[in-house]
Structures are given as structure tokens and as C-alpha cells.
Amino acid sequence: MRKLTILCCLLLLTLSTARRSFAQDTSNAQQAPKAQDTAKPAPPIHYYHLDFAIEELGSDGKPVNSRTYSTTVNTDIHSTMSIRIGSRIPISTGSTFNDGKTVSTQYQYEDVGVNIDVLDAHEVGRLLALNLSADLTSLGESTDPSIRQPVIRQNRWHAGVLIPVEKPTVVFTSDAIDNKGSTRVVVTATPLQ
């Protein structure tokens, strides 16, 4: 009789535990479709043609030099775009001499040119938001004639920018260090159909 009582108790305990776990499984199954229903669908991916104009302005504010670069970017969340234009300039770091004559010269190379990076392009109404970096490096005029090495001028910008579509927009600007001019970056975004 004792064995029968223990067996009945174990059977009741097993049935109550199974009933509780079945109830939990059905409540989780009912909640899963609700979570999927509330998730937002991914926004459509759009493509834009970007024109970058880098303008050097004189002291009167008028362009004296302008360079343009073009590319395409899309609004996919994982999309990136880079432009790299430039030269590697050799700069003498030292020489060895033998009997007053140069035997060998060591050089270090510096990158000079334009680097533009665009990350996280996305639409905000009729505006295009970009995480934009621009790095402009050029050779400048030395004010000291005794210095034989080149002077390297550099402008670097990095910011999140919001530009109207199909309208040229100045996104970065800075004064020149060695004269009264300035440099600016102008971006125009045109949607591609």
C-alpha cells in the first residue's frame, strides 16, 4: 500500500509539472508573433550621386582654384564610400657622406592629396544625412629660404552633415594659415532613378 501511495504522488507531481510547462510554451508561442508584427520593415535603399567641389578662395572670397570629385552612395545601413587621390612625396631625412660626397640619402614618404569618406548615408525627409570626413593635404610655400624640405599644409574635417537634395551646400570651410584666403568643401547630392 505504501508503494502505491508513493507512486500516485509521483504521478500527480509529474502531471502538474507537465501542465505548467505546457502553459508556458503556449504563452511564449502566442507572444512570438506579436513581437514580429511590431518590428519595422527595413526602409528602401536609394542611390545618390555625390559631387564634391574643393574650392580655394582668395582674400576677396572668390574661387582661385577648384577641384571636383564624384561618386555614388546608397542609403544601405552598411554602405561606405571612399575617394583617395594623391601622391607620395619623398622627403629627405638624412644623408651619409664619404670624402664630402653624398653616398646615400634616406627618404620618408608623405601622402599629399585628397581623402573623402562617407558613412551612414540616410534620408531625413527631403534631406540626406551623411557622416563625412575630408582630409586635404598639399604642399605649401616655405617662408624661410634656408629650409629645403617642403612645407605640408593640411585641412581635416569630420562631422555629421545634413544636406538638401539637388542643392550645392558648403559643408566645411576654414581660413588659410599662410594667407588671407580660405578653403571650403561643397557637396551636391542628386538622387538616381
N, C-alpha and C. Protein backbone atom coordinates (compact mmCIF):
# COMPACT_ATOMS: atom_id res chain seq x y z
N MET A 1 0.80 -1.18 0.00
CA MET A 1 0.00 0.00 0.00
C MET A 1 0.86 1.26 0.00
N ARG A 2 1.92 1.18 0.74
CA ARG A 2 2.82 2.32 0.80
C ARG A 2 3.42 2.63 -0.56
N LYS A 3 3.80 1.61 -1.28
CA LYS A 3 4.38 1.80 -2.63
C LYS A 3 3.34 2.41 -3.56
N LEU A 4 2.12 2.01 -3.43
CA LEU A 4 1.06 2.56 -4.28
C LEU A 4 0.83 4.04 -3.98
N THR A 5 0.90 4.45 -2.76
CA THR A 5 0.72 5.86 -2.38
C THR A 5 1.87 6.71 -2.94
N ILE A 6 3.08 6.22 -2.84
CA ILE A 6 4.25 6.97 -3.36
C ILE A 6 4.14 7.08 -4.88
N LEU A 7 3.72 6.00 -5.51
CA LEU A 7 3.58 6.02 -6.96
C LEU A 7 2.50 7.01 -7.41
N CYS A 8 1.39 7.09 -6.71
CA CYS A 8 0.32 8.05 -7.04
C CYS A 8 0.79 9.48 -6.83
N CYS A 9 1.54 9.72 -5.77
CA CYS A 9 2.06 11.08 -5.51
C CYS A 9 3.02 11.50 -6.62
N LEU A 10 3.90 10.60 -7.04
CA LEU A 10 4.84 10.92 -8.12
C LEU A 10 4.10 11.18 -9.43
N LEU A 11 3.06 10.42 -9.69
CA LEU A 11 2.27 10.60 -10.90
C LEU A 11 1.56 11.97 -10.89
N LEU A 12 0.99 12.36 -9.77
CA LEU A 12 0.33 13.67 -9.65
C LEU A 12 1.35 14.81 -9.81
N LEU A 13 2.51 14.65 -9.20
CA LEU A 13 3.57 15.68 -9.32
C LEU A 13 4.03 15.82 -10.76
N THR A 14 4.20 14.73 -11.46
CA THR A 14 4.62 14.76 -12.86
C THR A 14 3.57 15.44 -13.73
N LEU A 15 2.31 15.13 -13.52
CA LEU A 15 1.25 15.73 -14.31
C LEU A 15 1.14 17.24 -14.07
N SER A 16 1.29 17.68 -12.83
CA SER A 16 1.18 19.12 -12.56
C SER A 16 2.37 19.88 -13.15
N THR A 17 3.56 19.31 -13.13
CA THR A 17 4.74 19.96 -13.71
C THR A 17 4.61 20.02 -15.23
N ALA A 18 4.14 18.98 -15.84
CA ALA A 18 3.97 18.95 -17.30
C ALA A 18 2.93 19.97 -17.72
N ARG A 19 1.86 20.11 -16.93
CA ARG A 19 0.81 21.07 -17.27
C ARG A 19 1.34 22.50 -17.21
N ARG A 20 2.17 22.81 -16.19
CA ARG A 20 2.75 24.15 -16.05
C ARG A 20 3.70 24.45 -17.21
N SER A 21 4.54 23.50 -17.61
CA SER A 21 5.49 23.75 -18.70
C SER A 21 4.76 23.88 -20.04
N PHE A 22 3.67 23.14 -20.23
CA PHE A 22 2.88 23.28 -21.45
C PHE A 22 2.23 24.66 -21.52
N ALA A 23 1.77 25.17 -20.38
CA ALA A 23 1.16 26.51 -20.33
C ALA A 23 2.19 27.58 -20.67
N GLN A 24 3.41 27.42 -20.20
CA GLN A 24 4.46 28.39 -20.51
C GLN A 24 4.79 28.36 -22.00
N ASP A 25 4.87 27.18 -22.59
CA ASP A 25 5.19 27.07 -24.01
C ASP A 25 4.12 27.72 -24.87
N THR A 26 2.86 27.55 -24.53
CA THR A 26 1.81 28.15 -25.35
C THR A 26 1.79 29.66 -25.19
N SER A 27 2.10 30.18 -24.00
CA SER A 27 2.13 31.65 -23.84
C SER A 27 3.29 32.25 -24.62
N ASN A 28 4.45 31.58 -24.65
CA ASN A 28 5.59 32.07 -25.45
C ASN A 28 5.27 32.02 -26.93
N ALA A 29 4.58 30.98 -27.36
CA ALA A 29 4.22 30.85 -28.78
C ALA A 29 3.24 31.94 -29.18
N GLN A 30 2.38 32.34 -28.26
CA GLN A 30 1.42 33.39 -28.57
C GLN A 30 2.08 34.76 -28.61
N GLN A 31 3.14 34.96 -27.81
CA GLN A 31 3.84 36.25 -27.78
C GLN A 31 4.77 36.43 -28.97
N ALA A 32 5.32 35.39 -29.53
CA ALA A 32 6.28 35.49 -30.63
C ALA A 32 5.72 36.20 -31.85
N PRO A 33 4.52 35.89 -32.33
CA PRO A 33 4.01 36.62 -33.49
C PRO A 33 3.80 38.11 -33.21
N LYS A 34 3.46 38.46 -31.97
CA LYS A 34 3.27 39.87 -31.65
C LYS A 34 4.57 40.64 -31.79
N ALA A 35 5.70 40.04 -31.37
CA ALA A 35 6.99 40.72 -31.50
C ALA A 35 7.36 40.91 -32.96
N GLN A 36 7.06 39.93 -33.81
CA GLN A 36 7.36 40.06 -35.23
C GLN A 36 6.46 41.10 -35.89
N ASP A 37 5.22 41.22 -35.43
CA ASP A 37 4.30 42.18 -36.02
C ASP A 37 4.73 43.61 -35.73
N THR A 38 5.38 43.87 -34.58
CA THR A 38 5.75 45.23 -34.20
C THR A 38 7.08 45.68 -34.80
N ALA A 39 7.89 44.77 -35.35
CA ALA A 39 9.17 45.14 -35.94
C ALA A 39 8.94 45.95 -37.22
N LYS A 40 9.72 47.05 -37.35
CA LYS A 40 9.58 47.90 -38.54
C LYS A 40 10.23 47.24 -39.74
N PRO A 41 9.63 47.36 -40.90
CA PRO A 41 10.30 46.85 -42.10
C PRO A 41 11.47 47.77 -42.45
N ALA A 42 12.50 47.20 -43.06
CA ALA A 42 13.67 47.98 -43.44
C ALA A 42 13.28 49.03 -44.48
N PRO A 43 13.81 50.26 -44.33
CA PRO A 43 13.48 51.28 -45.33
C PRO A 43 14.08 50.91 -46.69
N PRO A 44 13.48 51.38 -47.77
CA PRO A 44 14.03 51.05 -49.09
C PRO A 44 15.39 51.72 -49.29
N ILE A 45 16.23 51.09 -50.08
CA ILE A 45 17.56 51.62 -50.35
C ILE A 45 17.48 52.53 -51.57
N HIS A 46 17.99 53.76 -51.43
CA HIS A 46 18.04 54.71 -52.53
C HIS A 46 19.49 55.06 -52.82
N TYR A 47 19.75 55.43 -54.08
CA TYR A 47 21.10 55.79 -54.51
C TYR A 47 21.17 57.28 -54.84
N TYR A 48 22.32 57.88 -54.50
CA TYR A 48 22.56 59.29 -54.76
C TYR A 48 23.92 59.48 -55.42
N HIS A 49 23.97 60.40 -56.36
CA HIS A 49 25.22 60.82 -56.98
C HIS A 49 25.73 62.00 -56.16
N LEU A 50 26.96 61.92 -55.65
CA LEU A 50 27.53 62.99 -54.85
C LEU A 50 28.63 63.68 -55.65
N ASP A 51 28.55 65.01 -55.74
CA ASP A 51 29.60 65.83 -56.34
C ASP A 51 30.25 66.63 -55.22
N PHE A 52 31.57 66.47 -55.08
CA PHE A 52 32.34 67.24 -54.11
C PHE A 52 33.16 68.27 -54.86
N ALA A 53 33.09 69.52 -54.45
CA ALA A 53 33.93 70.57 -55.02
C ALA A 53 34.78 71.13 -53.89
N ILE A 54 36.09 71.09 -54.07
CA ILE A 54 37.01 71.67 -53.10
C ILE A 54 37.52 72.96 -53.71
N GLU A 55 37.19 74.06 -53.07
CA GLU A 55 37.49 75.38 -53.62
C GLU A 55 38.46 76.13 -52.72
N GLU A 56 39.49 76.69 -53.34
CA GLU A 56 40.39 77.60 -52.64
C GLU A 56 39.95 79.01 -53.00
N LEU A 57 39.70 79.82 -52.00
CA LEU A 57 39.21 81.18 -52.20
C LEU A 57 40.31 82.18 -51.91
N GLY A 58 40.34 83.26 -52.70
CA GLY A 58 41.29 84.34 -52.46
C GLY A 58 40.81 85.23 -51.32
N SER A 59 41.58 86.28 -51.03
CA SER A 59 41.21 87.19 -49.95
C SER A 59 39.91 87.93 -50.24
N ASP A 60 39.52 88.00 -51.52
CA ASP A 60 38.26 88.66 -51.89
C ASP A 60 37.06 87.71 -51.80
N GLY A 61 37.29 86.43 -51.43
CA GLY A 61 36.21 85.46 -51.30
C GLY A 61 35.82 84.77 -52.60
N LYS A 62 36.53 85.06 -53.69
CA LYS A 62 36.23 84.44 -54.99
C LYS A 62 37.14 83.24 -55.21
N PRO A 63 36.63 82.17 -55.86
CA PRO A 63 37.44 80.98 -56.09
C PRO A 63 38.66 81.27 -56.98
N VAL A 64 39.83 80.81 -56.54
CA VAL A 64 41.04 80.91 -57.34
C VAL A 64 41.47 79.53 -57.86
N ASN A 65 40.95 78.47 -57.24
CA ASN A 65 41.26 77.11 -57.67
C ASN A 65 40.11 76.21 -57.21
N SER A 66 39.74 75.28 -58.05
CA SER A 66 38.65 74.37 -57.70
C SER A 66 38.94 72.99 -58.29
N ARG A 67 38.68 71.96 -57.49
CA ARG A 67 38.82 70.58 -57.94
C ARG A 67 37.51 69.86 -57.61
N THR A 68 37.08 68.97 -58.50
CA THR A 68 35.82 68.26 -58.27
C THR A 68 36.06 66.75 -58.24
N TYR A 69 35.25 66.07 -57.43
CA TYR A 69 35.30 64.62 -57.29
C TYR A 69 33.85 64.13 -57.23
N SER A 70 33.56 63.03 -57.89
CA SER A 70 32.19 62.50 -57.94
C SER A 70 32.18 61.02 -57.59
N THR A 71 31.08 60.59 -57.00
CA THR A 71 30.90 59.19 -56.68
C THR A 71 29.42 58.93 -56.45
N THR A 72 29.09 57.68 -56.16
CA THR A 72 27.72 57.28 -55.85
C THR A 72 27.70 56.67 -54.46
N VAL A 73 26.63 56.96 -53.72
CA VAL A 73 26.45 56.41 -52.38
C VAL A 73 25.02 55.91 -52.27
N ASN A 74 24.79 54.93 -51.39
CA ASN A 74 23.41 54.46 -51.18
C ASN A 74 23.05 54.53 -49.71
N THR A 75 21.77 54.39 -49.42
CA THR A 75 21.27 54.55 -48.06
C THR A 75 21.22 53.23 -47.29
N ASP A 76 21.90 52.20 -47.78
CA ASP A 76 22.00 50.95 -47.03
C ASP A 76 22.80 51.22 -45.76
N ILE A 77 22.38 50.65 -44.65
CA ILE A 77 22.99 50.95 -43.35
C ILE A 77 24.46 50.54 -43.29
N HIS A 78 24.88 49.57 -44.08
CA HIS A 78 26.26 49.09 -44.04
C HIS A 78 27.11 49.67 -45.17
N SER A 79 26.62 50.66 -45.87
CA SER A 79 27.33 51.21 -47.02
C SER A 79 28.38 52.23 -46.60
N THR A 80 29.54 52.15 -47.23
CA THR A 80 30.60 53.15 -47.05
C THR A 80 31.12 53.55 -48.42
N MET A 81 31.73 54.73 -48.49
CA MET A 81 32.28 55.22 -49.75
C MET A 81 33.57 55.96 -49.43
N SER A 82 34.59 55.78 -50.25
CA SER A 82 35.87 56.46 -50.05
C SER A 82 36.41 56.95 -51.39
N ILE A 83 37.03 58.13 -51.36
CA ILE A 83 37.77 58.67 -52.50
C ILE A 83 39.19 58.92 -52.02
N ARG A 84 40.17 58.45 -52.78
CA ARG A 84 41.58 58.64 -52.46
C ARG A 84 42.28 59.14 -53.71
N ILE A 85 42.77 60.36 -53.69
CA ILE A 85 43.51 60.94 -54.81
C ILE A 85 44.77 61.57 -54.23
N GLY A 86 45.93 61.26 -54.77
CA GLY A 86 47.12 61.91 -54.24
C GLY A 86 48.42 61.36 -54.77
N SER A 87 49.47 61.84 -54.16
CA SER A 87 50.84 61.44 -54.50
C SER A 87 51.60 61.19 -53.21
N ARG A 88 52.65 60.39 -53.32
CA ARG A 88 53.55 60.19 -52.19
C ARG A 88 54.82 60.99 -52.48
N ILE A 89 55.07 61.99 -51.64
CA ILE A 89 56.19 62.91 -51.84
C ILE A 89 57.38 62.45 -51.00
N PRO A 90 58.56 62.27 -51.64
CA PRO A 90 59.74 61.88 -50.85
C PRO A 90 60.32 63.09 -50.12
N ILE A 91 60.64 62.90 -48.85
CA ILE A 91 61.25 63.95 -48.04
C ILE A 91 62.53 63.37 -47.46
N SER A 92 63.64 64.05 -47.70
CA SER A 92 64.94 63.59 -47.24
C SER A 92 65.00 63.67 -45.71
N THR A 93 65.39 62.54 -45.09
CA THR A 93 65.51 62.51 -43.63
C THR A 93 66.97 62.42 -43.17
N GLY A 94 67.87 62.22 -44.10
CA GLY A 94 69.28 62.15 -43.74
C GLY A 94 70.12 61.64 -44.88
N SER A 95 71.41 61.96 -44.82
CA SER A 95 72.35 61.51 -45.86
C SER A 95 73.63 61.04 -45.20
N THR A 96 74.31 60.15 -45.87
CA THR A 96 75.64 59.74 -45.42
C THR A 96 76.65 60.25 -46.44
N PHE A 97 77.79 60.68 -45.92
CA PHE A 97 78.82 61.28 -46.76
C PHE A 97 80.11 60.49 -46.64
N ASN A 98 80.89 60.50 -47.75
CA ASN A 98 82.22 59.92 -47.77
C ASN A 98 83.11 60.87 -48.55
N ASP A 99 84.11 61.39 -47.92
CA ASP A 99 85.03 62.37 -48.52
C ASP A 99 84.27 63.58 -49.06
N GLY A 100 83.25 64.04 -48.32
CA GLY A 100 82.49 65.22 -48.72
C GLY A 100 81.46 64.98 -49.80
N LYS A 101 81.35 63.77 -50.29
CA LYS A 101 80.37 63.45 -51.31
C LYS A 101 79.22 62.63 -50.69
N THR A 102 78.02 62.88 -51.19
CA THR A 102 76.85 62.15 -50.70
C THR A 102 76.90 60.72 -51.22
N VAL A 103 76.88 59.76 -50.31
CA VAL A 103 76.92 58.35 -50.68
C VAL A 103 75.49 57.81 -50.79
N SER A 104 74.67 58.12 -49.80
CA SER A 104 73.28 57.67 -49.85
C SER A 104 72.39 58.65 -49.06
N THR A 105 71.14 58.68 -49.44
CA THR A 105 70.16 59.55 -48.80
C THR A 105 68.96 58.71 -48.41
N GLN A 106 68.47 58.93 -47.17
CA GLN A 106 67.27 58.23 -46.71
C GLN A 106 66.06 59.16 -46.92
N TYR A 107 64.95 58.55 -47.28
CA TYR A 107 63.73 59.31 -47.55
C TYR A 107 62.57 58.76 -46.73
N GLN A 108 61.71 59.67 -46.38
CA GLN A 108 60.42 59.31 -45.79
C GLN A 108 59.37 59.84 -46.76
N TYR A 109 58.34 59.05 -47.01
CA TYR A 109 57.31 59.45 -47.97
C TYR A 109 56.06 59.95 -47.24
N GLU A 110 55.56 61.08 -47.68
CA GLU A 110 54.34 61.68 -47.12
C GLU A 110 53.23 61.65 -48.17
N ASP A 111 52.03 61.28 -47.75
CA ASP A 111 50.87 61.31 -48.64
C ASP A 111 50.35 62.73 -48.76
N VAL A 112 50.19 63.18 -50.00
CA VAL A 112 49.67 64.52 -50.27
C VAL A 112 48.51 64.35 -51.25
N GLY A 113 47.36 64.92 -50.91
CA GLY A 113 46.21 64.79 -51.81
C GLY A 113 44.90 64.96 -51.07
N VAL A 114 43.88 64.24 -51.55
CA VAL A 114 42.52 64.38 -51.03
C VAL A 114 42.00 63.00 -50.62
N ASN A 115 41.46 62.93 -49.40
CA ASN A 115 40.80 61.73 -48.90
C ASN A 115 39.40 62.14 -48.44
N ILE A 116 38.38 61.49 -48.98
CA ILE A 116 36.99 61.76 -48.59
C ILE A 116 36.34 60.43 -48.24
N ASP A 117 35.66 60.39 -47.09
CA ASP A 117 34.95 59.19 -46.64
C ASP A 117 33.52 59.55 -46.28
N VAL A 118 32.57 58.72 -46.71
CA VAL A 118 31.16 58.88 -46.38
C VAL A 118 30.68 57.59 -45.73
N LEU A 119 30.07 57.72 -44.56
CA LEU A 119 29.49 56.59 -43.84
C LEU A 119 28.06 56.91 -43.48
N ASP A 120 27.26 55.89 -43.31
CA ASP A 120 25.90 56.02 -42.76
C ASP A 120 25.05 57.05 -43.48
N ALA A 121 24.97 56.96 -44.79
CA ALA A 121 24.08 57.86 -45.56
C ALA A 121 22.65 57.40 -45.36
N HIS A 122 21.79 58.34 -44.97
CA HIS A 122 20.37 58.01 -44.83
C HIS A 122 19.54 59.26 -45.06
N GLU A 123 18.28 59.02 -45.39
CA GLU A 123 17.38 60.12 -45.73
C GLU A 123 16.64 60.60 -44.48
N VAL A 124 16.50 61.91 -44.40
CA VAL A 124 15.70 62.56 -43.36
C VAL A 124 14.75 63.49 -44.11
N GLY A 125 13.58 63.00 -44.45
CA GLY A 125 12.66 63.76 -45.29
C GLY A 125 13.26 63.95 -46.67
N ARG A 126 13.36 65.22 -47.14
CA ARG A 126 13.98 65.53 -48.44
C ARG A 126 15.45 65.90 -48.27
N LEU A 127 16.04 65.58 -47.13
CA LEU A 127 17.45 65.87 -46.86
C LEU A 127 18.23 64.56 -46.82
N LEU A 128 19.54 64.65 -47.06
CA LEU A 128 20.41 63.48 -47.00
C LEU A 128 21.40 63.71 -45.86
N ALA A 129 21.41 62.80 -44.90
CA ALA A 129 22.33 62.87 -43.76
C ALA A 129 23.54 61.98 -44.07
N LEU A 130 24.73 62.51 -43.79
CA LEU A 130 25.98 61.79 -44.05
C LEU A 130 26.91 61.96 -42.87
N ASN A 131 27.70 60.95 -42.59
CA ASN A 131 28.83 61.07 -41.68
C ASN A 131 30.03 61.28 -42.60
N LEU A 132 30.54 62.50 -42.68
CA LEU A 132 31.50 62.89 -43.71
C LEU A 132 32.85 63.26 -43.12
N SER A 133 33.92 62.73 -43.72
CA SER A 133 35.29 63.10 -43.37
C SER A 133 35.99 63.59 -44.63
N ALA A 134 36.72 64.68 -44.50
CA ALA A 134 37.52 65.20 -45.63
C ALA A 134 38.91 65.56 -45.09
N ASP A 135 39.93 65.11 -45.80
CA ASP A 135 41.31 65.36 -45.44
C ASP A 135 42.02 65.89 -46.68
N LEU A 136 42.41 67.16 -46.65
CA LEU A 136 43.08 67.80 -47.79
C LEU A 136 44.51 68.13 -47.38
N THR A 137 45.47 67.57 -48.09
CA THR A 137 46.88 67.80 -47.79
C THR A 137 47.55 68.30 -49.05
N SER A 138 48.34 69.38 -48.92
CA SER A 138 49.01 69.95 -50.09
C SER A 138 50.38 70.50 -49.68
N LEU A 139 51.19 70.77 -50.70
CA LEU A 139 52.50 71.38 -50.46
C LEU A 139 52.33 72.89 -50.43
N GLY A 140 52.89 73.52 -49.43
CA GLY A 140 52.80 74.96 -49.31
C GLY A 140 54.12 75.63 -49.59
N GLU A 141 54.07 76.94 -49.70
CA GLU A 141 55.29 77.73 -49.92
C GLU A 141 56.00 77.94 -48.59
N SER A 142 57.31 77.74 -48.59
CA SER A 142 58.09 77.97 -47.38
C SER A 142 58.41 79.46 -47.26
N THR A 143 58.26 80.01 -46.08
CA THR A 143 58.61 81.42 -45.86
C THR A 143 60.08 81.59 -45.51
N ASP A 144 60.77 80.50 -45.22
CA ASP A 144 62.19 80.54 -44.88
C ASP A 144 62.98 79.86 -46.01
N PRO A 145 63.77 80.64 -46.80
CA PRO A 145 64.50 80.04 -47.92
C PRO A 145 65.58 79.04 -47.49
N SER A 146 66.00 79.06 -46.23
CA SER A 146 67.04 78.13 -45.79
C SER A 146 66.48 76.72 -45.56
N ILE A 147 65.15 76.60 -45.47
CA ILE A 147 64.54 75.28 -45.28
C ILE A 147 64.37 74.65 -46.66
N ARG A 148 65.00 73.49 -46.83
CA ARG A 148 64.94 72.83 -48.14
C ARG A 148 63.81 71.82 -48.23
N GLN A 149 63.26 71.42 -47.11
CA GLN A 149 62.18 70.43 -47.11
C GLN A 149 60.85 71.11 -47.41
N PRO A 150 59.93 70.39 -48.02
CA PRO A 150 58.63 71.01 -48.35
C PRO A 150 57.80 71.28 -47.09
N VAL A 151 56.96 72.29 -47.18
CA VAL A 151 56.00 72.59 -46.12
C VAL A 151 54.70 71.91 -46.52
N ILE A 152 54.13 71.13 -45.62
CA ILE A 152 52.90 70.40 -45.92
C ILE A 152 51.75 71.07 -45.18
N ARG A 153 50.73 71.49 -45.94
CA ARG A 153 49.52 72.11 -45.38
C ARG A 153 48.44 71.04 -45.31
N GLN A 154 47.65 71.08 -44.24
CA GLN A 154 46.63 70.07 -44.07
C GLN A 154 45.35 70.66 -43.48
N ASN A 155 44.22 70.28 -44.07
CA ASN A 155 42.89 70.60 -43.56
C ASN A 155 42.17 69.28 -43.33
N ARG A 156 41.63 69.09 -42.13
CA ARG A 156 40.88 67.86 -41.82
C ARG A 156 39.57 68.25 -41.18
N TRP A 157 38.50 67.62 -41.66
CA TRP A 157 37.18 67.83 -41.09
C TRP A 157 36.52 66.47 -40.92
N HIS A 158 35.70 66.36 -39.90
CA HIS A 158 34.87 65.16 -39.70
C HIS A 158 33.62 65.59 -38.96
N ALA A 159 32.46 65.33 -39.55
CA ALA A 159 31.20 65.73 -38.91
C ALA A 159 30.03 65.01 -39.56
N GLY A 160 28.95 64.96 -38.83
CA GLY A 160 27.68 64.54 -39.40
C GLY A 160 27.06 65.75 -40.08
N VAL A 161 26.70 65.63 -41.34
CA VAL A 161 26.16 66.77 -42.08
C VAL A 161 24.79 66.40 -42.64
N LEU A 162 23.96 67.41 -42.82
CA LEU A 162 22.62 67.27 -43.37
C LEU A 162 22.53 68.20 -44.57
N ILE A 163 22.38 67.63 -45.78
CA ILE A 163 22.39 68.46 -46.98
C ILE A 163 21.07 68.33 -47.73
N PRO A 164 20.58 69.46 -48.26
CA PRO A 164 19.38 69.38 -49.10
C PRO A 164 19.71 68.69 -50.43
N VAL A 165 18.77 67.94 -50.93
CA VAL A 165 18.97 67.22 -52.19
C VAL A 165 18.92 68.21 -53.35
N GLU A 166 19.83 68.03 -54.30
CA GLU A 166 19.93 68.83 -55.54
C GLU A 166 20.24 70.30 -55.29
N LYS A 167 20.94 70.60 -54.19
CA LYS A 167 21.33 71.98 -53.91
C LYS A 167 22.78 71.98 -53.41
N PRO A 168 23.70 72.69 -54.11
CA PRO A 168 25.08 72.76 -53.60
C PRO A 168 25.11 73.35 -52.20
N THR A 169 25.82 72.65 -51.29
CA THR A 169 25.85 73.06 -49.89
C THR A 169 27.29 73.07 -49.39
N VAL A 170 27.70 74.18 -48.78
CA VAL A 170 29.02 74.26 -48.16
C VAL A 170 28.94 73.49 -46.84
N VAL A 171 29.76 72.44 -46.72
CA VAL A 171 29.74 71.63 -45.52
C VAL A 171 30.93 71.90 -44.61
N PHE A 172 32.06 72.29 -45.17
CA PHE A 172 33.25 72.60 -44.38
C PHE A 172 33.91 73.85 -44.94
N THR A 173 34.49 74.65 -44.07
CA THR A 173 35.25 75.81 -44.51
C THR A 173 36.30 76.14 -43.45
N SER A 174 37.44 76.67 -43.89
CA SER A 174 38.49 77.09 -42.95
C SER A 174 39.36 78.14 -43.60
N ASP A 175 39.89 79.02 -42.78
CA ASP A 175 40.82 80.04 -43.25
C ASP A 175 42.18 79.41 -43.55
N ALA A 176 42.89 79.99 -44.50
CA ALA A 176 44.25 79.53 -44.82
C ALA A 176 45.20 80.02 -43.73
N ILE A 177 46.24 79.25 -43.48
CA ILE A 177 47.20 79.62 -42.44
C ILE A 177 48.20 80.65 -42.94
N ASP A 178 48.60 80.55 -44.21
CA ASP A 178 49.69 81.37 -44.71
C ASP A 178 49.25 82.57 -45.55
N ASN A 179 47.93 82.77 -45.74
CA ASN A 179 47.47 83.95 -46.48
C ASN A 179 46.05 84.29 -46.02
N LYS A 180 45.42 85.25 -46.64
CA LYS A 180 44.09 85.69 -46.22
C LYS A 180 42.96 84.95 -46.94
N GLY A 181 43.30 83.90 -47.66
CA GLY A 181 42.29 83.10 -48.36
C GLY A 181 41.66 82.06 -47.45
N SER A 182 40.89 81.18 -48.05
CA SER A 182 40.26 80.11 -47.29
C SER A 182 40.02 78.91 -48.21
N THR A 183 39.61 77.81 -47.61
CA THR A 183 39.30 76.59 -48.33
C THR A 183 37.92 76.12 -47.89
N ARG A 184 37.13 75.62 -48.84
CA ARG A 184 35.82 75.08 -48.47
C ARG A 184 35.50 73.84 -49.28
N VAL A 185 34.61 73.02 -48.71
CA VAL A 185 34.14 71.82 -49.38
C VAL A 185 32.64 71.99 -49.62
N VAL A 186 32.22 71.82 -50.89
CA VAL A 186 30.83 71.97 -51.29
C VAL A 186 30.34 70.60 -51.79
N VAL A 187 29.17 70.17 -51.30
CA VAL A 187 28.62 68.87 -51.69
C VAL A 187 27.25 69.07 -52.33
N THR A 188 27.02 68.37 -53.45
CA THR A 188 25.72 68.34 -54.09
C THR A 188 25.28 66.89 -54.21
N ALA A 189 24.08 66.57 -53.70
CA ALA A 189 23.54 65.21 -53.77
C ALA A 189 22.37 65.20 -54.77
N THR A 190 22.46 64.31 -55.75
CA THR A 190 21.40 64.17 -56.76
C THR A 190 20.87 62.74 -56.71
N PRO A 191 19.55 62.56 -56.52
CA PRO A 191 19.02 61.20 -56.48
C PRO A 191 19.11 60.52 -57.84
N LEU A 192 19.40 59.23 -57.83
CA LEU A 192 19.44 58.44 -59.06
C LEU A 192 18.15 57.65 -59.14
N GLN A 193 17.52 57.66 -60.32
CA GLN A 193 16.24 56.96 -60.51
C GLN A 193 16.47 55.54 -60.94
